[in-house]
Amino acid sequence: MRKIINFGENSPSFLSWAAVGGYEERRGPLGENFDFCDDSDRFGMPTWERAEGEMGRISLNIAMNKIHYSPDAIDVLLAGDLENQCVASSGGLYSFGIPYIGLYSACSTCTEALLLLSTLISKTEISVGATVTTSHNSAAERQFRTPIEYGGQRTPTAQWTATASGAFILGQGGRVKIKSGMVGKIVDGLNKDASNMGAAMARAAFDTFYTYFSLSDIPPRDFDYVVTGDLGKVGSFIFEELMDKEMPSAAVKHIDCGNLIYDKKSADVHSGASGCGCSASVLASHFLPLLEEGSIKNILFMSTGALMSPSSVMQGENILGVAPAIHISSE
């Protein structure tokens, strides 16, 4: 049976965070809130894949420096990216020497990592932990589609993988806390089109939204926002349509990270952003600062993942979706 995981008095809090991005991320509406951006998208590395790993290293280093932590102060590190075997995470973060758990859950990785780390901190001997989530547009294009040099055309429903990273350090004593969470369920997106991943993820997002509020004692109206990871324009339309149809009384404000990170007038991103670094960097650059200053009090944060591979797409399999959730609060 699916349940809400309540952390109660042991609710972990955000001690520090950092967002790192590339050229388009710096030009976007949240660009000035990023801690570091590299307009070359290379971060001093010879390949896109190593650049993705370097983004993770930079973001974690910035987050630690903000609170004057050394790697020895962190008990465990949960990290993930979009490359096979999470080589960006392992390659970029190994120098810290922190005990490591690699996570590979597509664009849902940020919330999955925060949910798992919250469980470790509230239920085990772990006191302080960190999560890092990264994605790189050019590395993702090479692995999942075609190298950018090929110049393949993108459909209007396609999304742009964010070149971005978000790092978070959790412990006890901060203002902004993770009060509860819910593990995502694998949902058939009823879609085979890898150029329309927003549609594939929307039903998983709604399934978690519906189930969470069906079980929660806190009504949707008490949340400032329900935040999804990267449904983009198409996926957000489907998600909101499902909300209006199945939970018309919810009266909740929905915001999608994939619709926030880029300037849609100057950046040709079609249906919006994607990539597991999208929701991570938007959480670090936008929502956590708002929660910390008290402008908003509660959000339900759901990174959304399209569970597919180049092989599964070529074989005509449906794209499955998953959407774990966490309740982040400054109350």
Foldseek 3Di string as FASTA:
>chain_A
DWDKFFLPPLFKFFPFKAKEFEQQLLVFPLNVLHPYYHPVCQLPHPDNLLSQLQQQLVGQVVRCVVVVHALVVAAEEEEEFADPPRCSPCVNPVVSVHHYDYDHFAQQRVVVRVQVVSCCCSPHPGAKHKYKYFYGQQVCCVFFNNHVVVVDDADLQAFTATGMMMMTMIHDDALKGFGIKTWKDKAFLPDLDPRHVLSQFLVSLLVCVVVPQVRDPDALVLFQEAEEEASFQVNVVVNVVCCCVPPVPRPHHYDYLQVRSGDVVVDVGNRGYTTNRSRRNCCNRPVVVCQRVVVGFKYKYWYKRFDDGNVCSVVRHTTIMIIMITIMGSD
